[in-house]
Amino acid sequence: GTIVDLYGVENWLSLLRASDPTPYSIAAPMVNLSRL
């Protein structure tokens, strides 16, 4: 929610509740990473 768009991953909450770490891997950046 700060530099990683975890909450923008489709079905992120249900995946986390199912102990699936995929959202943490596939989340998009929330900021321009080269600038950061």
PDB file of all heavy atoms in Angstrom:
ATOM      1  N   GLY A   1       0.801  -1.216   0.000  1.00  0.00           N
ATOM      2  CA  GLY A   1       0.000   0.000   0.000  1.00  0.00           C
ATOM      3  C   GLY A   1       0.834   1.267   0.000  1.00  0.00           C
ATOM      4  O   GLY A   1       0.293   2.369  -0.060  1.00  0.00           O
ATOM      5  N   THR A   2       2.137   1.123   0.057  1.00  0.00           N
ATOM      6  CA  THR A   2       3.031   2.278   0.067  1.00  0.00           C
ATOM      7  C   THR A   2       3.843   2.343  -1.220  1.00  0.00           C
ATOM      8  O   THR A   2       3.776   3.323  -1.943  1.00  0.00           O
ATOM      9  CB  THR A   2       3.943   2.254   1.311  1.00  0.00           C
ATOM     10  OG1 THR A   2       3.099   2.281   2.489  1.00  0.00           O
ATOM     11  CG2 THR A   2       4.882   3.443   1.344  1.00  0.00           C
ATOM     12  N   ILE A   3       4.626   1.310  -1.494  1.00  0.00           N
ATOM     13  CA  ILE A   3       5.310   1.251  -2.793  1.00  0.00           C
ATOM     14  C   ILE A   3       4.898   0.010  -3.588  1.00  0.00           C
ATOM     15  O   ILE A   3       5.195  -0.085  -4.768  1.00  0.00           O
ATOM     16  CB  ILE A   3       6.853   1.333  -2.676  1.00  0.00           C
ATOM     17  CG1 ILE A   3       7.444   0.167  -1.909  1.00  0.00           C
ATOM     18  CG2 ILE A   3       7.278   2.659  -2.075  1.00  0.00           C
ATOM     19  CD1 ILE A   3       8.970   0.122  -1.960  1.00  0.00           C
ATOM     20  N   VAL A   4       4.197  -0.918  -2.937  1.00  0.00           N
ATOM     21  CA  VAL A   4       3.724  -2.146  -3.578  1.00  0.00           C
ATOM     22  C   VAL A   4       2.198  -2.139  -3.577  1.00  0.00           C
ATOM     23  O   VAL A   4       1.575  -2.003  -2.525  1.00  0.00           O
ATOM     24  CB  VAL A   4       4.238  -3.396  -2.818  1.00  0.00           C
ATOM     25  CG1 VAL A   4       3.714  -4.667  -3.466  1.00  0.00           C
ATOM     26  CG2 VAL A   4       5.759  -3.410  -2.747  1.00  0.00           C
ATOM     27  N   ASP A   5       1.596  -2.317  -4.748  1.00  0.00           N
ATOM     28  CA  ASP A   5       0.137  -2.262  -4.863  1.00  0.00           C
ATOM     29  C   ASP A   5      -0.508  -3.616  -4.558  1.00  0.00           C
ATOM     30  O   ASP A   5      -1.220  -4.190  -5.382  1.00  0.00           O
ATOM     31  CB  ASP A   5      -0.257  -1.773  -6.263  1.00  0.00           C
ATOM     32  CG  ASP A   5      -1.736  -1.431  -6.349  1.00  0.00           C
ATOM     33  OD1 ASP A   5      -2.411  -1.344  -5.305  1.00  0.00           O
ATOM     34  OD2 ASP A   5      -2.219  -1.251  -7.482  1.00  0.00           O
ATOM     35  N   LEU A   6      -0.282  -4.119  -3.356  1.00  0.00           N
ATOM     36  CA  LEU A   6      -0.859  -5.395  -2.931  1.00  0.00           C
ATOM     37  C   LEU A   6      -2.381  -5.377  -3.069  1.00  0.00           C
ATOM     38  O   LEU A   6      -2.988  -6.331  -3.544  1.00  0.00           O
ATOM     39  CB  LEU A   6      -0.478  -5.691  -1.476  1.00  0.00           C
ATOM     40  CG  LEU A   6      -1.134  -6.934  -0.876  1.00  0.00           C
ATOM     41  CD1 LEU A   6      -0.556  -8.196  -1.507  1.00  0.00           C
ATOM     42  CD2 LEU A   6      -0.963  -6.967   0.626  1.00  0.00           C
ATOM     43  N   TYR A   7      -2.999  -4.279  -2.669  1.00  0.00           N
ATOM     44  CA  TYR A   7      -4.464  -4.207  -2.646  1.00  0.00           C
ATOM     45  C   TYR A   7      -5.061  -4.054  -4.043  1.00  0.00           C
ATOM     46  O   TYR A   7      -6.273  -4.145  -4.199  1.00  0.00           O
ATOM     47  CB  TYR A   7      -4.900  -3.079  -1.718  1.00  0.00           C
ATOM     48  CG  TYR A   7      -4.170  -3.150  -0.390  1.00  0.00           C
ATOM     49  CD1 TYR A   7      -3.313  -2.135   0.009  1.00  0.00           C
ATOM     50  CD2 TYR A   7      -4.283  -4.267   0.429  1.00  0.00           C
ATOM     51  CE1 TYR A   7      -2.605  -2.221   1.205  1.00  0.00           C
ATOM     52  CE2 TYR A   7      -3.579  -4.359   1.623  1.00  0.00           C
ATOM     53  CZ  TYR A   7      -2.747  -3.337   2.001  1.00  0.00           C
ATOM     54  OH  TYR A   7      -2.043  -3.426   3.182  1.00  0.00           O
ATOM     55  N   GLY A   8      -4.224  -3.869  -5.036  1.00  0.00           N
ATOM     56  CA  GLY A   8      -4.682  -3.815  -6.416  1.00  0.00           C
ATOM     57  C   GLY A   8      -4.682  -5.177  -7.095  1.00  0.00           C
ATOM     58  O   GLY A   8      -5.159  -5.316  -8.218  1.00  0.00           O
ATOM     59  N   VAL A   9      -4.142  -6.186  -6.404  1.00  0.00           N
ATOM     60  CA  VAL A   9      -4.125  -7.541  -6.962  1.00  0.00           C
ATOM     61  C   VAL A   9      -5.531  -8.126  -6.851  1.00  0.00           C
ATOM     62  O   VAL A   9      -6.141  -8.098  -5.776  1.00  0.00           O
ATOM     63  CB  VAL A   9      -3.111  -8.435  -6.213  1.00  0.00           C
ATOM     64  CG1 VAL A   9      -3.210  -9.883  -6.673  1.00  0.00           C
ATOM     65  CG2 VAL A   9      -1.692  -7.908  -6.390  1.00  0.00           C
ATOM     66  N   GLU A  10      -6.026  -8.649  -7.954  1.00  0.00           N
ATOM     67  CA  GLU A  10      -7.358  -9.240  -7.955  1.00  0.00           C
ATOM     68  C   GLU A  10      -7.439 -10.379  -6.931  1.00  0.00           C
ATOM     69  O   GLU A  10      -6.554 -11.239  -6.881  1.00  0.00           O
ATOM     70  CB  GLU A  10      -7.692  -9.770  -9.349  1.00  0.00           C
ATOM     71  CG  GLU A  10      -9.112 -10.240  -9.493  1.00  0.00           C
ATOM     72  CD  GLU A  10      -9.471 -10.616 -10.919  1.00  0.00           C
ATOM     73  OE1 GLU A  10      -8.770 -10.178 -11.854  1.00  0.00           O
ATOM     74  OE2 GLU A  10     -10.450 -11.341 -11.083  1.00  0.00           O
ATOM     75  N   ASN A  11      -8.473 -10.357  -6.110  1.00  0.00           N
ATOM     76  CA  ASN A  11      -8.729 -11.381  -5.086  1.00  0.00           C
ATOM     77  C   ASN A  11      -7.611 -11.485  -4.045  1.00  0.00           C
ATOM     78  O   ASN A  11      -7.399 -12.546  -3.464  1.00  0.00           O
ATOM     79  CB  ASN A  11      -8.972 -12.756  -5.720  1.00  0.00           C
ATOM     80  CG  ASN A  11     -10.171 -12.759  -6.625  1.00  0.00           C
ATOM     81  OD1 ASN A  11     -11.218 -12.220  -6.292  1.00  0.00           O
ATOM     82  ND2 ASN A  11     -10.013 -13.350  -7.802  1.00  0.00           N
ATOM     83  N   TRP A  12      -6.899 -10.393  -3.793  1.00  0.00           N
ATOM     84  CA  TRP A  12      -5.758 -10.432  -2.876  1.00  0.00           C
ATOM     85  C   TRP A  12      -6.154 -10.961  -1.495  1.00  0.00           C
ATOM     86  O   TRP A  12      -5.431 -11.780  -0.922  1.00  0.00           O
ATOM     87  CB  TRP A  12      -5.088  -9.059  -2.763  1.00  0.00           C
ATOM     88  CG  TRP A  12      -5.916  -8.026  -2.060  1.00  0.00           C
ATOM     89  CD1 TRP A  12      -6.844  -7.190  -2.618  1.00  0.00           C
ATOM     90  CD2 TRP A  12      -5.919  -7.723  -0.660  1.00  0.00           C
ATOM     91  NE1 TRP A  12      -7.411  -6.386  -1.666  1.00  0.00           N
ATOM     92  CE2 TRP A  12      -6.874  -6.697  -0.457  1.00  0.00           C
ATOM     93  CE3 TRP A  12      -5.217  -8.211   0.433  1.00  0.00           C
ATOM     94  CZ2 TRP A  12      -7.130  -6.163   0.802  1.00  0.00           C
ATOM     95  CZ3 TRP A  12      -5.471  -7.675   1.683  1.00  0.00           C
ATOM     96  CH2 TRP A  12      -6.415  -6.668   1.856  1.00  0.00           C
ATOM     97  N   LEU A  13      -7.280 -10.515  -0.959  1.00  0.00           N
ATOM     98  CA  LEU A  13      -7.651 -10.898   0.399  1.00  0.00           C
ATOM     99  C   LEU A  13      -8.003 -12.385   0.487  1.00  0.00           C
ATOM    100  O   LEU A  13      -7.542 -13.076   1.402  1.00  0.00           O
ATOM    101  CB  LEU A  13      -8.804 -10.036   0.910  1.00  0.00           C
ATOM    102  CG  LEU A  13      -9.194 -10.244   2.370  1.00  0.00           C
ATOM    103  CD1 LEU A  13      -7.997 -10.051   3.293  1.00  0.00           C
ATOM    104  CD2 LEU A  13     -10.325  -9.293   2.764  1.00  0.00           C
ATOM    105  N   SER A  14      -8.769 -12.875  -0.461  1.00  0.00           N
ATOM    106  CA  SER A  14      -9.124 -14.299  -0.412  1.00  0.00           C
ATOM    107  C   SER A  14      -7.880 -15.171  -0.605  1.00  0.00           C
ATOM    108  O   SER A  14      -7.760 -16.234   0.015  1.00  0.00           O
ATOM    109  CB  SER A  14     -10.202 -14.636  -1.439  1.00  0.00           C
ATOM    110  OG  SER A  14      -9.781 -14.328  -2.736  1.00  0.00           O
ATOM    111  N   LEU A  15      -6.962 -14.723  -1.432  1.00  0.00           N
ATOM    112  CA  LEU A  15      -5.713 -15.475  -1.608  1.00  0.00           C
ATOM    113  C   LEU A  15      -4.894 -15.490  -0.325  1.00  0.00           C
ATOM    114  O   LEU A  15      -4.368 -16.540   0.079  1.00  0.00           O
ATOM    115  CB  LEU A  15      -4.899 -14.882  -2.764  1.00  0.00           C
ATOM    116  CG  LEU A  15      -5.471 -15.115  -4.160  1.00  0.00           C
ATOM    117  CD1 LEU A  15      -4.784 -14.222  -5.175  1.00  0.00           C
ATOM    118  CD2 LEU A  15      -5.362 -16.583  -4.548  1.00  0.00           C
ATOM    119  N   LEU A  16      -4.779 -14.341   0.340  1.00  0.00           N
ATOM    120  CA  LEU A  16      -4.022 -14.307   1.595  1.00  0.00           C
ATOM    121  C   LEU A  16      -4.687 -15.174   2.655  1.00  0.00           C
ATOM    122  O   LEU A  16      -4.006 -15.880   3.411  1.00  0.00           O
ATOM    123  CB  LEU A  16      -3.871 -12.876   2.106  1.00  0.00           C
ATOM    124  CG  LEU A  16      -3.114 -11.891   1.219  1.00  0.00           C
ATOM    125  CD1 LEU A  16      -2.865 -10.590   1.970  1.00  0.00           C
ATOM    126  CD2 LEU A  16      -1.815 -12.470   0.704  1.00  0.00           C
ATOM    127  N   ARG A  17      -6.010 -15.123   2.725  1.00  0.00           N
ATOM    128  CA  ARG A  17      -6.732 -15.953   3.708  1.00  0.00           C
ATOM    129  C   ARG A  17      -6.556 -17.439   3.422  1.00  0.00           C
ATOM    130  O   ARG A  17      -6.689 -18.261   4.322  1.00  0.00           O
ATOM    131  CB  ARG A  17      -8.211 -15.576   3.731  1.00  0.00           C
ATOM    132  CG  ARG A  17      -8.445 -14.244   4.404  1.00  0.00           C
ATOM    133  CD  ARG A  17      -9.900 -13.887   4.457  1.00  0.00           C
ATOM    134  NE  ARG A  17     -10.093 -12.659   5.221  1.00  0.00           N
ATOM    135  CZ  ARG A  17     -11.159 -11.890   5.116  1.00  0.00           C
ATOM    136  NH1 ARG A  17     -12.156 -12.219   4.295  1.00  0.00           N
ATOM    137  NH2 ARG A  17     -11.260 -10.796   5.847  1.00  0.00           N
ATOM    138  N   ALA A  18      -6.269 -17.782   2.173  1.00  0.00           N
ATOM    139  CA  ALA A  18      -6.011 -19.172   1.790  1.00  0.00           C
ATOM    140  C   ALA A  18      -4.524 -19.515   1.911  1.00  0.00           C
ATOM    141  O   ALA A  18      -4.091 -20.562   1.418  1.00  0.00           O
ATOM    142  CB  ALA A  18      -6.503 -19.417   0.374  1.00  0.00           C
ATOM    143  N   SER A  19      -3.769 -18.639   2.548  1.00  0.00           N
ATOM    144  CA  SER A  19      -2.316 -18.815   2.742  1.00  0.00           C
ATOM    145  C   SER A  19      -1.558 -18.936   1.429  1.00  0.00           C
ATOM    146  O   SER A  19      -0.589 -19.689   1.308  1.00  0.00           O
ATOM    147  CB  SER A  19      -2.028 -20.022   3.635  1.00  0.00           C
ATOM    148  OG  SER A  19      -2.577 -19.815   4.915  1.00  0.00           O
ATOM    149  N   ASP A  20      -1.995 -18.162   0.446  1.00  0.00           N
ATOM    150  CA  ASP A  20      -1.335 -18.111  -0.855  1.00  0.00           C
ATOM    151  C   ASP A  20      -0.529 -16.811  -0.928  1.00  0.00           C
ATOM    152  O   ASP A  20      -1.098 -15.725  -0.919  1.00  0.00           O
ATOM    153  CB  ASP A  20      -2.384 -18.136  -1.962  1.00  0.00           C
ATOM    154  CG  ASP A  20      -1.777 -18.176  -3.363  1.00  0.00           C
ATOM    155  OD1 ASP A  20      -0.589 -17.821  -3.523  1.00  0.00           O
ATOM    156  OD2 ASP A  20      -2.511 -18.552  -4.291  1.00  0.00           O
ATOM    157  N   PRO A  21       0.797 -16.896  -1.000  1.00  0.00           N
ATOM    158  CA  PRO A  21       1.622 -15.686  -1.015  1.00  0.00           C
ATOM    159  C   PRO A  21       1.702 -14.990  -2.378  1.00  0.00           C
ATOM    160  O   PRO A  21       2.367 -13.966  -2.513  1.00  0.00           O
ATOM    161  CB  PRO A  21       3.000 -16.206  -0.605  1.00  0.00           C
ATOM    162  CG  PRO A  21       3.029 -17.600  -1.144  1.00  0.00           C
ATOM    163  CD  PRO A  21       1.616 -18.120  -0.994  1.00  0.00           C
ATOM    164  N   THR A  22       1.016 -15.512  -3.385  1.00  0.00           N
ATOM    165  CA  THR A  22       1.104 -14.980  -4.738  1.00  0.00           C
ATOM    166  C   THR A  22       0.899 -13.466  -4.828  1.00  0.00           C
ATOM    167  O   THR A  22       1.650 -12.794  -5.550  1.00  0.00           O
ATOM    168  CB  THR A  22       0.129 -15.718  -5.679  1.00  0.00           C
ATOM    169  OG1 THR A  22       0.440 -17.116  -5.652  1.00  0.00           O
ATOM    170  CG2 THR A  22       0.218 -15.193  -7.096  1.00  0.00           C
ATOM    171  N   PRO A  23      -0.094 -12.884  -4.129  1.00  0.00           N
ATOM    172  CA  PRO A  23      -0.269 -11.426  -4.268  1.00  0.00           C
ATOM    173  C   PRO A  23       0.988 -10.624  -3.933  1.00  0.00           C
ATOM    174  O   PRO A  23       1.243  -9.590  -4.543  1.00  0.00           O
ATOM    175  CB  PRO A  23      -1.404 -11.111  -3.291  1.00  0.00           C
ATOM    176  CG  PRO A  23      -2.191 -12.384  -3.232  1.00  0.00           C
ATOM    177  CD  PRO A  23      -1.156 -13.477  -3.314  1.00  0.00           C
ATOM    178  N   TYR A  24       1.774 -11.103  -2.980  1.00  0.00           N
ATOM    179  CA  TYR A  24       3.002 -10.389  -2.622  1.00  0.00           C
ATOM    180  C   TYR A  24       4.027 -10.447  -3.756  1.00  0.00           C
ATOM    181  O   TYR A  24       4.870  -9.560  -3.873  1.00  0.00           O
ATOM    182  CB  TYR A  24       3.617 -10.970  -1.346  1.00  0.00           C
ATOM    183  CG  TYR A  24       2.752 -10.788  -0.120  1.00  0.00           C
ATOM    184  CD1 TYR A  24       2.075 -11.863   0.450  1.00  0.00           C
ATOM    185  CD2 TYR A  24       2.613  -9.537   0.472  1.00  0.00           C
ATOM    186  CE1 TYR A  24       1.290 -11.694   1.570  1.00  0.00           C
ATOM    187  CE2 TYR A  24       1.825  -9.357   1.599  1.00  0.00           C
ATOM    188  CZ  TYR A  24       1.165 -10.444   2.149  1.00  0.00           C
ATOM    189  OH  TYR A  24       0.378 -10.282   3.263  1.00  0.00           O
ATOM    190  N   SER A  25       3.960 -11.498  -4.559  1.00  0.00           N
ATOM    191  CA  SER A  25       4.912 -11.653  -5.667  1.00  0.00           C
ATOM    192  C   SER A  25       4.508 -10.881  -6.910  1.00  0.00           C
ATOM    193  O   SER A  25       5.361 -10.357  -7.618  1.00  0.00           O
ATOM    194  CB  SER A  25       5.041 -13.135  -6.044  1.00  0.00           C
ATOM    195  OG  SER A  25       5.543 -13.874  -4.969  1.00  0.00           O
ATOM    196  N   ILE A  26       3.193 -10.848  -7.191  1.00  0.00           N
ATOM    197  CA  ILE A  26       2.748 -10.299  -8.471  1.00  0.00           C
ATOM    198  C   ILE A  26       2.258  -8.857  -8.392  1.00  0.00           C
ATOM    199  O   ILE A  26       1.930  -8.267  -9.420  1.00  0.00           O
ATOM    200  CB  ILE A  26       1.651 -11.184  -9.095  1.00  0.00           C
ATOM    201  CG1 ILE A  26       0.372 -11.174  -8.248  1.00  0.00           C
ATOM    202  CG2 ILE A  26       2.167 -12.601  -9.319  1.00  0.00           C
ATOM    203  CD1 ILE A  26      -0.825 -11.825  -8.920  1.00  0.00           C
ATOM    204  N   ALA A  27       2.224  -8.286  -7.202  1.00  0.00           N
ATOM    205  CA  ALA A  27       1.737  -6.912  -7.052  1.00  0.00           C
ATOM    206  C   ALA A  27       2.591  -5.948  -7.882  1.00  0.00           C
ATOM    207  O   ALA A  27       3.812  -6.079  -7.960  1.00  0.00           O
ATOM    208  CB  ALA A  27       1.767  -6.499  -5.584  1.00  0.00           C
ATOM    209  N   ALA A  28       1.910  -4.990  -8.466  1.00  0.00           N
ATOM    210  CA  ALA A  28       2.586  -3.970  -9.269  1.00  0.00           C
ATOM    211  C   ALA A  28       3.173  -2.892  -8.363  1.00  0.00           C
ATOM    212  O   ALA A  28       2.741  -2.721  -7.215  1.00  0.00           O
ATOM    213  CB  ALA A  28       1.586  -3.334 -10.232  1.00  0.00           C
ATOM    214  N   PRO A  29       4.141  -2.162  -8.859  1.00  0.00           N
ATOM    215  CA  PRO A  29       4.651  -1.014  -8.107  1.00  0.00           C
ATOM    216  C   PRO A  29       3.601   0.094  -8.053  1.00  0.00           C
ATOM    217  O   PRO A  29       2.782   0.224  -8.961  1.00  0.00           O
ATOM    218  CB  PRO A  29       5.856  -0.559  -8.932  1.00  0.00           C
ATOM    219  CG  PRO A  29       6.140  -1.640  -9.897  1.00  0.00           C
ATOM    220  CD  PRO A  29       4.877  -2.399 -10.095  1.00  0.00           C
ATOM    221  N   MET A  30       3.671   0.887  -7.006  1.00  0.00           N
ATOM    222  CA  MET A  30       2.768   2.032  -6.861  1.00  0.00           C
ATOM    223  C   MET A  30       3.459   3.344  -7.208  1.00  0.00           C
ATOM    224  O   MET A  30       2.806   4.381  -7.256  1.00  0.00           O
ATOM    225  CB  MET A  30       2.239   2.116  -5.424  1.00  0.00           C
ATOM    226  CG  MET A  30       1.351   0.958  -5.053  1.00  0.00           C
ATOM    227  SD  MET A  30       0.623   1.146  -3.426  1.00  0.00           S
ATOM    228  CE  MET A  30      -0.596   2.415  -3.763  1.00  0.00           C
ATOM    229  N   VAL A  31       4.761   3.300  -7.382  1.00  0.00           N
ATOM    230  CA  VAL A  31       5.548   4.499  -7.676  1.00  0.00           C
ATOM    231  C   VAL A  31       6.485   4.194  -8.830  1.00  0.00           C
ATOM    232  O   VAL A  31       6.707   3.034  -9.183  1.00  0.00           O
ATOM    233  CB  VAL A  31       6.372   4.965  -6.445  1.00  0.00           C
ATOM    234  CG1 VAL A  31       5.473   5.338  -5.287  1.00  0.00           C
ATOM    235  CG2 VAL A  31       7.379   3.908  -6.016  1.00  0.00           C
ATOM    236  N   ASN A  32       7.060   5.231  -9.405  1.00  0.00           N
ATOM    237  CA  ASN A  32       8.061   5.072 -10.444  1.00  0.00           C
ATOM    238  C   ASN A  32       9.330   4.544  -9.773  1.00  0.00           C
ATOM    239  O   ASN A  32      10.017   5.278  -9.052  1.00  0.00           O
ATOM    240  CB  ASN A  32       8.314   6.418 -11.119  1.00  0.00           C
ATOM    241  CG  ASN A  32       9.356   6.340 -12.193  1.00  0.00           C
ATOM    242  OD1 ASN A  32      10.407   5.725 -12.028  1.00  0.00           O
ATOM    243  ND2 ASN A  32       9.083   6.984 -13.307  1.00  0.00           N
ATOM    244  N   LEU A  33       9.612   3.283 -10.007  1.00  0.00           N
ATOM    245  CA  LEU A  33      10.708   2.636  -9.289  1.00  0.00           C
ATOM    246  C   LEU A  33      12.088   3.111  -9.717  1.00  0.00           C
ATOM    247  O   LEU A  33      13.004   3.165  -8.897  1.00  0.00           O
ATOM    248  CB  LEU A  33      10.600   1.123  -9.420  1.00  0.00           C
ATOM    249  CG  LEU A  33       9.380   0.514  -8.727  1.00  0.00           C
ATOM    250  CD1 LEU A  33       9.313  -0.975  -9.002  1.00  0.00           C
ATOM    251  CD2 LEU A  33       9.396   0.783  -7.231  1.00  0.00           C
ATOM    252  N   SER A  34      12.261   3.465 -10.973  1.00  0.00           N
ATOM    253  CA  SER A  34      13.586   3.950 -11.375  1.00  0.00           C
ATOM    254  C   SER A  34      13.870   5.296 -10.706  1.00  0.00           C
ATOM    255  O   SER A  34      14.995   5.557 -10.262  1.00  0.00           O
ATOM    256  CB  SER A  34      13.722   4.032 -12.892  1.00  0.00           C
ATOM    257  OG  SER A  34      12.768   4.897 -13.441  1.00  0.00           O
ATOM    258  N   ARG A  35      12.848   6.124 -10.618  1.00  0.00           N
ATOM    259  CA  ARG A  35      13.010   7.415  -9.919  1.00  0.00           C
ATOM    260  C   ARG A  35      13.289   7.184  -8.433  1.00  0.00           C
ATOM    261  O   ARG A  35      14.172   7.819  -7.850  1.00  0.00           O
ATOM    262  CB  ARG A  35      11.748   8.259 -10.122  1.00  0.00           C
ATOM    263  CG  ARG A  35      11.835   9.646  -9.537  1.00  0.00           C
ATOM    264  CD  ARG A  35      10.571  10.436  -9.837  1.00  0.00           C
ATOM    265  NE  ARG A  35      10.653  11.761  -9.253  1.00  0.00           N
ATOM    266  CZ  ARG A  35       9.604  12.505  -8.960  1.00  0.00           C
ATOM    267  NH1 ARG A  35       8.381  12.071  -9.213  1.00  0.00           N
ATOM    268  NH2 ARG A  35       9.759  13.690  -8.430  1.00  0.00           N
ATOM    269  N   LEU A  36      12.531   6.269  -7.827  1.00  0.00           N
ATOM    270  CA  LEU A  36      12.743   5.960  -6.414  1.00  0.00           C
ATOM    271  C   LEU A  36      14.161   5.445  -6.183  1.00  0.00           C
ATOM    272  O   LEU A  36      14.851   5.889  -5.262  1.00  0.00           O
ATOM    273  CB  LEU A  36      11.714   4.933  -5.942  1.00  0.00           C
ATOM    274  CG  LEU A  36      11.830   4.499  -4.484  1.00  0.00           C
ATOM    275  CD1 LEU A  36      11.605   5.666  -3.535  1.00  0.00           C
ATOM    276  CD2 LEU A  36      10.843   3.375  -4.184  1.00  0.00           C
TER     277      LEU A  36
END
